[in-house]
Amino acid sequence: MEALVTDTGKTYRQTYAGLLIAEPGRIKLLREALDTAEAARAFSKG
């Protein structure tokens, strides 16, 4: 996904990943991750 951060004028190119492991009727494991360095770059002024 890409979005323009209006406060900084920079494009935020989000990389996001997830892992879901389920057993019948319940979630056994859920992990989510995003590129925090890219978020910091896009939202920082200057």
C-alpha atoms as a PDB file:
ATOM      1  CA  MET A   1       0.000   0.000   0.000  1.00  0.00           C
ATOM      2  CA  GLU A   2       1.126   3.554  -0.632  1.00  0.00           C
ATOM      3  CA  ALA A   3      -0.253   6.779   0.772  1.00  0.00           C
ATOM      4  CA  LEU A   4       0.764  10.409   0.765  1.00  0.00           C
ATOM      5  CA  VAL A   5       1.520  11.810   4.239  1.00  0.00           C
ATOM      6  CA  THR A   6       0.086  15.291   3.882  1.00  0.00           C
ATOM      7  CA  ASP A   7       2.029  16.784   6.813  1.00  0.00           C
ATOM      8  CA  THR A   8       5.417  15.823   5.309  1.00  0.00           C
ATOM      9  CA  GLY A   9       4.637  15.540   1.584  1.00  0.00           C
ATOM     10  CA  LYS A  10       6.343  12.116   1.569  1.00  0.00           C
ATOM     11  CA  THR A  11       4.970   8.848   0.247  1.00  0.00           C
ATOM     12  CA  TYR A  12       4.532   6.130   2.839  1.00  0.00           C
ATOM     13  CA  ARG A  13       5.185   2.746   1.245  1.00  0.00           C
ATOM     14  CA  GLN A  14       3.886   0.313   3.813  1.00  0.00           C
ATOM     15  CA  THR A  15       5.211  -3.217   3.956  1.00  0.00           C
ATOM     16  CA  TYR A  16       3.086  -5.320   6.245  1.00  0.00           C
ATOM     17  CA  ALA A  17       3.155  -9.044   6.944  1.00  0.00           C
ATOM     18  CA  GLY A  18       1.102 -11.376   9.052  1.00  0.00           C
ATOM     19  CA  LEU A  19       0.998 -15.003  10.086  1.00  0.00           C
ATOM     20  CA  LEU A  20      -2.113 -16.689  11.411  1.00  0.00           C
ATOM     21  CA  ILE A  21      -2.200 -20.303  12.544  1.00  0.00           C
ATOM     22  CA  ALA A  22      -5.597 -21.653  13.537  1.00  0.00           C
ATOM     23  CA  GLU A  23      -6.923 -24.841  15.039  1.00  0.00           C
ATOM     24  CA  PRO A  24     -10.581 -25.785  14.792  1.00  0.00           C
ATOM     25  CA  GLY A  25     -12.495 -23.010  16.497  1.00  0.00           C
ATOM     26  CA  ARG A  26      -9.544 -20.988  17.815  1.00  0.00           C
ATOM     27  CA  ILE A  27      -6.507 -18.943  16.866  1.00  0.00           C
ATOM     28  CA  LYS A  28      -3.308 -20.676  17.948  1.00  0.00           C
ATOM     29  CA  LEU A  29      -0.799 -18.015  16.835  1.00  0.00           C
ATOM     30  CA  LEU A  30      -1.053 -14.490  15.402  1.00  0.00           C
ATOM     31  CA  ARG A  31       2.014 -12.436  14.466  1.00  0.00           C
ATOM     32  CA  GLU A  32       2.003  -9.119  12.650  1.00  0.00           C
ATOM     33  CA  ALA A  33       4.871  -6.896  11.544  1.00  0.00           C
ATOM     34  CA  LEU A  34       5.457  -3.669   9.641  1.00  0.00           C
ATOM     35  CA  ASP A  35       8.503  -1.746   8.478  1.00  0.00           C
ATOM     36  CA  THR A  36       8.867   0.797  11.298  1.00  0.00           C
ATOM     37  CA  ALA A  37      11.910   2.445   9.664  1.00  0.00           C
ATOM     38  CA  GLU A  38       9.811   3.277   6.591  1.00  0.00           C
ATOM     39  CA  ALA A  39       7.036   4.674   8.780  1.00  0.00           C
ATOM     40  CA  ALA A  40       9.533   6.858  10.661  1.00  0.00           C
ATOM     41  CA  ARG A  41      10.987   8.147   7.374  1.00  0.00           C
ATOM     42  CA  ALA A  42       7.607   8.990   5.870  1.00  0.00           C
ATOM     43  CA  PHE A  43       6.222  10.708   8.968  1.00  0.00           C
ATOM     44  CA  SER A  44       9.356  12.656   9.939  1.00  0.00           C
ATOM     45  CA  LYS A  45       9.582  16.280   8.941  1.00  0.00           C
ATOM     46  CA  GLY A  46      12.810  17.389   7.367  1.00  0.00           C
END
